[in-house]
Protein backbone atom coordinates (compact mmCIF):
# COMPACT_ATOMS: atom_id res chain seq x y z
CA UNK A 1 0.00 0.00 0.00
CA UNK A 2 1.41 3.36 -1.02
CA UNK A 3 1.92 5.78 1.84
CA UNK A 4 2.70 9.48 1.58
CA UNK A 5 3.98 11.53 4.50
CA UNK A 6 4.32 15.31 4.25
CA UNK A 7 6.64 17.49 6.30
CA UNK A 8 8.03 21.01 6.29
CA UNK A 9 4.94 23.03 7.04
CA UNK A 10 4.96 25.84 9.54
CA UNK A 11 4.31 29.50 10.13
CA UNK A 12 6.00 32.23 8.12
CA UNK A 13 5.52 35.92 7.50
CA UNK A 14 4.30 37.30 4.21
CA UNK A 15 7.09 37.29 1.64
CA UNK A 16 8.82 34.35 3.27
CA UNK A 17 9.59 30.87 1.99
CA UNK A 18 8.95 27.28 2.99
CA UNK A 19 9.97 23.96 1.51
CA UNK A 20 7.57 21.05 1.80
CA UNK A 21 8.64 17.44 1.43
CA UNK A 22 6.70 14.26 0.87
CA UNK A 23 8.20 10.84 1.54
CA UNK A 24 6.65 8.04 -0.47
CA UNK A 25 6.77 4.39 0.57
CA UNK A 26 5.04 1.12 -0.21
CA UNK A 27 5.86 1.14 -3.90
CA UNK A 28 7.21 -2.05 -5.41
CA UNK A 29 10.41 -1.85 -7.41
CA UNK A 30 10.70 1.44 -9.27
CA UNK A 31 7.00 2.15 -8.94
CA UNK A 32 7.47 5.63 -7.50
CA UNK A 33 9.42 6.76 -10.55
CA UNK A 34 6.46 5.86 -12.76
CA UNK A 35 3.89 7.77 -10.69
CA UNK A 36 2.90 11.31 -11.44
CA UNK A 37 2.86 13.35 -8.24
CA UNK A 38 1.08 16.45 -7.08
CA UNK A 39 0.55 18.98 -4.33
CA UNK A 40 -2.89 20.17 -3.31
CA UNK A 41 -4.07 22.55 -0.63
CA UNK A 42 -7.22 23.25 1.30
CA UNK A 43 -7.93 26.46 3.14
CA UNK A 44 -10.59 26.62 5.87
CA UNK A 45 -14.06 26.77 4.38
CA UNK A 46 -12.80 26.16 0.84
CA UNK A 47 -12.57 23.18 -1.47
CA UNK A 48 -9.27 21.47 -1.99
CA UNK A 49 -7.41 22.82 -5.00
CA UNK A 50 -4.49 21.58 -7.05
CA UNK A 51 -1.27 23.53 -6.71
CA UNK A 52 1.32 21.74 -8.82
CA UNK A 53 2.02 18.40 -10.46
CA UNK A 54 5.10 16.68 -11.80
CA UNK A 55 5.19 13.82 -14.25
CA UNK A 56 7.24 10.66 -13.97
CA UNK A 57 9.89 12.32 -16.20
CA UNK A 58 9.69 15.67 -14.37
CA UNK A 59 7.44 17.70 -16.64
CA UNK A 60 5.58 20.20 -14.47
CA UNK A 61 2.22 21.87 -14.28
CA UNK A 62 1.15 24.71 -11.95
CA UNK A 63 -1.99 26.47 -10.85
CA UNK A 64 -2.04 30.07 -12.09
CA UNK A 65 -2.08 31.37 -8.53
CA UNK A 66 1.37 29.92 -7.76
CA UNK A 67 3.20 30.18 -11.08
CA UNK A 68 6.56 31.86 -10.67
CA UNK A 69 6.48 31.44 -6.88
CA UNK A 70 6.28 27.68 -6.29
CA UNK A 71 8.53 24.97 -7.71
CA UNK A 72 7.73 21.27 -7.61
CA UNK A 73 10.51 18.72 -7.85
CA UNK A 74 11.13 15.04 -7.23
CA UNK A 75 13.96 12.68 -6.36
CA UNK A 76 13.22 9.26 -7.79
CA UNK A 77 16.16 7.63 -6.02
CA UNK A 78 14.96 8.71 -2.58
CA UNK A 79 11.21 8.60 -3.35
CA UNK A 80 10.85 12.22 -2.27
CA UNK A 81 8.59 14.95 -3.62
CA UNK A 82 9.25 18.60 -2.79
CA UNK A 83 7.49 21.92 -3.11
CA UNK A 84 9.58 25.07 -2.79
CA UNK A 85 7.30 27.98 -1.93
CA UNK A 86 8.60 31.53 -2.25
CA UNK A 87 6.97 34.94 -1.90
CA UNK A 88 4.28 33.47 0.30
CA UNK A 89 1.22 35.56 1.10
CA UNK A 90 -1.70 35.03 3.50
CA UNK A 91 -3.80 33.57 0.67
CA UNK A 92 -1.39 30.61 0.62
CA UNK A 93 -2.45 29.61 4.14
CA UNK A 94 -3.84 26.09 3.93
CA UNK A 95 -3.30 22.44 4.68
CA UNK A 96 -1.02 21.11 1.97
CA UNK A 97 -1.37 17.55 0.71
CA UNK A 98 0.89 15.33 -1.32
CA UNK A 99 -0.80 13.01 -3.83
CA UNK A 100 0.17 10.28 -6.28
CA UNK A 101 -1.44 9.46 -9.60
CA UNK A 102 -0.88 5.94 -10.89
CA UNK A 103 -3.62 5.42 -13.48
CA UNK A 104 -3.83 8.46 -15.71
CA UNK A 105 -1.40 9.45 -18.45
CA UNK A 106 0.31 12.81 -18.01
CA UNK A 107 -1.35 14.20 -21.12
CA UNK A 108 -4.76 13.82 -19.48
CA UNK A 109 -3.79 14.48 -15.87
CA UNK A 110 -5.36 17.55 -14.34
CA UNK A 111 -4.95 19.18 -10.94
CA UNK A 112 -8.14 17.70 -9.58
CA UNK A 113 -8.79 15.22 -6.80
CA UNK A 114 -10.24 12.46 -8.94
CA UNK A 115 -7.08 12.15 -11.04
CA UNK A 116 -5.01 11.15 -7.99
CA UNK A 117 -5.12 7.83 -6.21
CA UNK A 118 -3.13 8.16 -2.99
CA UNK A 119 -3.02 10.98 -0.48
CA UNK A 120 -0.97 12.04 2.50
CA UNK A 121 -2.35 13.39 5.76
CA UNK A 122 -1.27 16.95 5.08
CA UNK A 123 1.01 19.58 6.57
CA UNK A 124 -0.19 23.00 7.70
CA UNK A 125 1.19 26.19 6.19
CA UNK A 126 0.27 29.48 7.83
CA UNK A 127 1.32 32.82 6.35
CA UNK A 128 0.83 35.94 8.44
CA UNK A 129 0.72 39.48 7.09
C-alpha atoms as a PDB file:
ATOM      1  CA  UNK A   1       0.000   0.000   0.000  1.00  0.00           C
ATOM      2  CA  UNK A   2       1.413   3.358  -1.020  1.00  0.00           C
ATOM      3  CA  UNK A   3       1.920   5.781   1.841  1.00  0.00           C
ATOM      4  CA  UNK A   4       2.702   9.475   1.576  1.00  0.00           C
ATOM      5  CA  UNK A   5       3.975  11.529   4.503  1.00  0.00           C
ATOM      6  CA  UNK A   6       4.321  15.306   4.250  1.00  0.00           C
ATOM      7  CA  UNK A   7       6.640  17.489   6.295  1.00  0.00           C
ATOM      8  CA  UNK A   8       8.029  21.006   6.290  1.00  0.00           C
ATOM      9  CA  UNK A   9       4.937  23.027   7.038  1.00  0.00           C
ATOM     10  CA  UNK A  10       4.960  25.843   9.543  1.00  0.00           C
ATOM     11  CA  UNK A  11       4.306  29.501  10.133  1.00  0.00           C
ATOM     12  CA  UNK A  12       5.996  32.231   8.121  1.00  0.00           C
ATOM     13  CA  UNK A  13       5.517  35.918   7.496  1.00  0.00           C
ATOM     14  CA  UNK A  14       4.301  37.304   4.211  1.00  0.00           C
ATOM     15  CA  UNK A  15       7.093  37.294   1.640  1.00  0.00           C
ATOM     16  CA  UNK A  16       8.821  34.354   3.268  1.00  0.00           C
ATOM     17  CA  UNK A  17       9.594  30.869   1.993  1.00  0.00           C
ATOM     18  CA  UNK A  18       8.948  27.279   2.992  1.00  0.00           C
ATOM     19  CA  UNK A  19       9.972  23.958   1.513  1.00  0.00           C
ATOM     20  CA  UNK A  20       7.573  21.053   1.803  1.00  0.00           C
ATOM     21  CA  UNK A  21       8.639  17.438   1.427  1.00  0.00           C
ATOM     22  CA  UNK A  22       6.699  14.260   0.872  1.00  0.00           C
ATOM     23  CA  UNK A  23       8.201  10.843   1.536  1.00  0.00           C
ATOM     24  CA  UNK A  24       6.650   8.037  -0.470  1.00  0.00           C
ATOM     25  CA  UNK A  25       6.773   4.388   0.574  1.00  0.00           C
ATOM     26  CA  UNK A  26       5.044   1.123  -0.211  1.00  0.00           C
ATOM     27  CA  UNK A  27       5.863   1.140  -3.900  1.00  0.00           C
ATOM     28  CA  UNK A  28       7.208  -2.053  -5.406  1.00  0.00           C
ATOM     29  CA  UNK A  29      10.413  -1.849  -7.414  1.00  0.00           C
ATOM     30  CA  UNK A  30      10.701   1.440  -9.272  1.00  0.00           C
ATOM     31  CA  UNK A  31       6.999   2.154  -8.937  1.00  0.00           C
ATOM     32  CA  UNK A  32       7.472   5.629  -7.495  1.00  0.00           C
ATOM     33  CA  UNK A  33       9.419   6.757 -10.547  1.00  0.00           C
ATOM     34  CA  UNK A  34       6.464   5.861 -12.764  1.00  0.00           C
ATOM     35  CA  UNK A  35       3.891   7.769 -10.692  1.00  0.00           C
ATOM     36  CA  UNK A  36       2.903  11.308 -11.438  1.00  0.00           C
ATOM     37  CA  UNK A  37       2.863  13.348  -8.245  1.00  0.00           C
ATOM     38  CA  UNK A  38       1.083  16.448  -7.085  1.00  0.00           C
ATOM     39  CA  UNK A  39       0.548  18.979  -4.329  1.00  0.00           C
ATOM     40  CA  UNK A  40      -2.887  20.174  -3.309  1.00  0.00           C
ATOM     41  CA  UNK A  41      -4.068  22.552  -0.626  1.00  0.00           C
ATOM     42  CA  UNK A  42      -7.223  23.249   1.303  1.00  0.00           C
ATOM     43  CA  UNK A  43      -7.930  26.465   3.144  1.00  0.00           C
ATOM     44  CA  UNK A  44     -10.587  26.625   5.873  1.00  0.00           C
ATOM     45  CA  UNK A  45     -14.056  26.769   4.375  1.00  0.00           C
ATOM     46  CA  UNK A  46     -12.795  26.164   0.844  1.00  0.00           C
ATOM     47  CA  UNK A  47     -12.566  23.183  -1.466  1.00  0.00           C
ATOM     48  CA  UNK A  48      -9.265  21.468  -1.994  1.00  0.00           C
ATOM     49  CA  UNK A  49      -7.408  22.818  -5.001  1.00  0.00           C
ATOM     50  CA  UNK A  50      -4.493  21.575  -7.046  1.00  0.00           C
ATOM     51  CA  UNK A  51      -1.265  23.529  -6.712  1.00  0.00           C
ATOM     52  CA  UNK A  52       1.319  21.741  -8.816  1.00  0.00           C
ATOM     53  CA  UNK A  53       2.016  18.403 -10.463  1.00  0.00           C
ATOM     54  CA  UNK A  54       5.098  16.677 -11.797  1.00  0.00           C
ATOM     55  CA  UNK A  55       5.188  13.819 -14.248  1.00  0.00           C
ATOM     56  CA  UNK A  56       7.241  10.664 -13.971  1.00  0.00           C
ATOM     57  CA  UNK A  57       9.888  12.319 -16.196  1.00  0.00           C
ATOM     58  CA  UNK A  58       9.685  15.671 -14.368  1.00  0.00           C
ATOM     59  CA  UNK A  59       7.441  17.704 -16.638  1.00  0.00           C
ATOM     60  CA  UNK A  60       5.581  20.197 -14.471  1.00  0.00           C
ATOM     61  CA  UNK A  61       2.217  21.874 -14.281  1.00  0.00           C
ATOM     62  CA  UNK A  62       1.149  24.707 -11.951  1.00  0.00           C
ATOM     63  CA  UNK A  63      -1.990  26.471 -10.850  1.00  0.00           C
ATOM     64  CA  UNK A  64      -2.043  30.068 -12.087  1.00  0.00           C
ATOM     65  CA  UNK A  65      -2.078  31.367  -8.527  1.00  0.00           C
ATOM     66  CA  UNK A  66       1.366  29.923  -7.755  1.00  0.00           C
ATOM     67  CA  UNK A  67       3.201  30.179 -11.077  1.00  0.00           C
ATOM     68  CA  UNK A  68       6.560  31.859 -10.674  1.00  0.00           C
ATOM     69  CA  UNK A  69       6.480  31.445  -6.885  1.00  0.00           C
ATOM     70  CA  UNK A  70       6.284  27.684  -6.290  1.00  0.00           C
ATOM     71  CA  UNK A  71       8.532  24.974  -7.710  1.00  0.00           C
ATOM     72  CA  UNK A  72       7.731  21.270  -7.612  1.00  0.00           C
ATOM     73  CA  UNK A  73      10.512  18.717  -7.847  1.00  0.00           C
ATOM     74  CA  UNK A  74      11.127  15.040  -7.227  1.00  0.00           C
ATOM     75  CA  UNK A  75      13.961  12.681  -6.358  1.00  0.00           C
ATOM     76  CA  UNK A  76      13.218   9.261  -7.787  1.00  0.00           C
ATOM     77  CA  UNK A  77      16.157   7.629  -6.020  1.00  0.00           C
ATOM     78  CA  UNK A  78      14.956   8.707  -2.580  1.00  0.00           C
ATOM     79  CA  UNK A  79      11.209   8.599  -3.346  1.00  0.00           C
ATOM     80  CA  UNK A  80      10.852  12.225  -2.273  1.00  0.00           C
ATOM     81  CA  UNK A  81       8.591  14.948  -3.624  1.00  0.00           C
ATOM     82  CA  UNK A  82       9.251  18.605  -2.792  1.00  0.00           C
ATOM     83  CA  UNK A  83       7.487  21.920  -3.112  1.00  0.00           C
ATOM     84  CA  UNK A  84       9.575  25.070  -2.788  1.00  0.00           C
ATOM     85  CA  UNK A  85       7.296  27.981  -1.931  1.00  0.00           C
ATOM     86  CA  UNK A  86       8.601  31.533  -2.247  1.00  0.00           C
ATOM     87  CA  UNK A  87       6.975  34.942  -1.898  1.00  0.00           C
ATOM     88  CA  UNK A  88       4.283  33.475   0.303  1.00  0.00           C
ATOM     89  CA  UNK A  89       1.223  35.556   1.101  1.00  0.00           C
ATOM     90  CA  UNK A  90      -1.698  35.030   3.495  1.00  0.00           C
ATOM     91  CA  UNK A  91      -3.796  33.569   0.671  1.00  0.00           C
ATOM     92  CA  UNK A  92      -1.390  30.614   0.623  1.00  0.00           C
ATOM     93  CA  UNK A  93      -2.446  29.608   4.139  1.00  0.00           C
ATOM     94  CA  UNK A  94      -3.842  26.088   3.933  1.00  0.00           C
ATOM     95  CA  UNK A  95      -3.303  22.444   4.682  1.00  0.00           C
ATOM     96  CA  UNK A  96      -1.025  21.105   1.968  1.00  0.00           C
ATOM     97  CA  UNK A  97      -1.373  17.548   0.710  1.00  0.00           C
ATOM     98  CA  UNK A  98       0.892  15.325  -1.322  1.00  0.00           C
ATOM     99  CA  UNK A  99      -0.797  13.012  -3.828  1.00  0.00           C
ATOM    100  CA  UNK A 100       0.166  10.277  -6.275  1.00  0.00           C
ATOM    101  CA  UNK A 101      -1.442   9.460  -9.603  1.00  0.00           C
ATOM    102  CA  UNK A 102      -0.878   5.936 -10.893  1.00  0.00           C
ATOM    103  CA  UNK A 103      -3.618   5.418 -13.478  1.00  0.00           C
ATOM    104  CA  UNK A 104      -3.833   8.462 -15.706  1.00  0.00           C
ATOM    105  CA  UNK A 105      -1.399   9.451 -18.450  1.00  0.00           C
ATOM    106  CA  UNK A 106       0.307  12.813 -18.014  1.00  0.00           C
ATOM    107  CA  UNK A 107      -1.349  14.204 -21.117  1.00  0.00           C
ATOM    108  CA  UNK A 108      -4.758  13.819 -19.479  1.00  0.00           C
ATOM    109  CA  UNK A 109      -3.793  14.476 -15.866  1.00  0.00           C
ATOM    110  CA  UNK A 110      -5.356  17.554 -14.338  1.00  0.00           C
ATOM    111  CA  UNK A 111      -4.946  19.180 -10.944  1.00  0.00           C
ATOM    112  CA  UNK A 112      -8.137  17.698  -9.576  1.00  0.00           C
ATOM    113  CA  UNK A 113      -8.789  15.220  -6.804  1.00  0.00           C
ATOM    114  CA  UNK A 114     -10.238  12.461  -8.941  1.00  0.00           C
ATOM    115  CA  UNK A 115      -7.084  12.150 -11.037  1.00  0.00           C
ATOM    116  CA  UNK A 116      -5.013  11.153  -7.992  1.00  0.00           C
ATOM    117  CA  UNK A 117      -5.120   7.827  -6.213  1.00  0.00           C
ATOM    118  CA  UNK A 118      -3.127   8.161  -2.992  1.00  0.00           C
ATOM    119  CA  UNK A 119      -3.022  10.983  -0.482  1.00  0.00           C
ATOM    120  CA  UNK A 120      -0.975  12.036   2.498  1.00  0.00           C
ATOM    121  CA  UNK A 121      -2.347  13.394   5.755  1.00  0.00           C
ATOM    122  CA  UNK A 122      -1.269  16.951   5.080  1.00  0.00           C
ATOM    123  CA  UNK A 123       1.011  19.578   6.571  1.00  0.00           C
ATOM    124  CA  UNK A 124      -0.194  22.996   7.697  1.00  0.00           C
ATOM    125  CA  UNK A 125       1.186  26.192   6.186  1.00  0.00           C
ATOM    126  CA  UNK A 126       0.265  29.481   7.826  1.00  0.00           C
ATOM    127  CA  UNK A 127       1.321  32.817   6.355  1.00  0.00           C
ATOM    128  CA  UNK A 128       0.831  35.941   8.435  1.00  0.00           C
ATOM    129  CA  UNK A 129       0.716  39.482   7.093  1.00  0.00           C
END
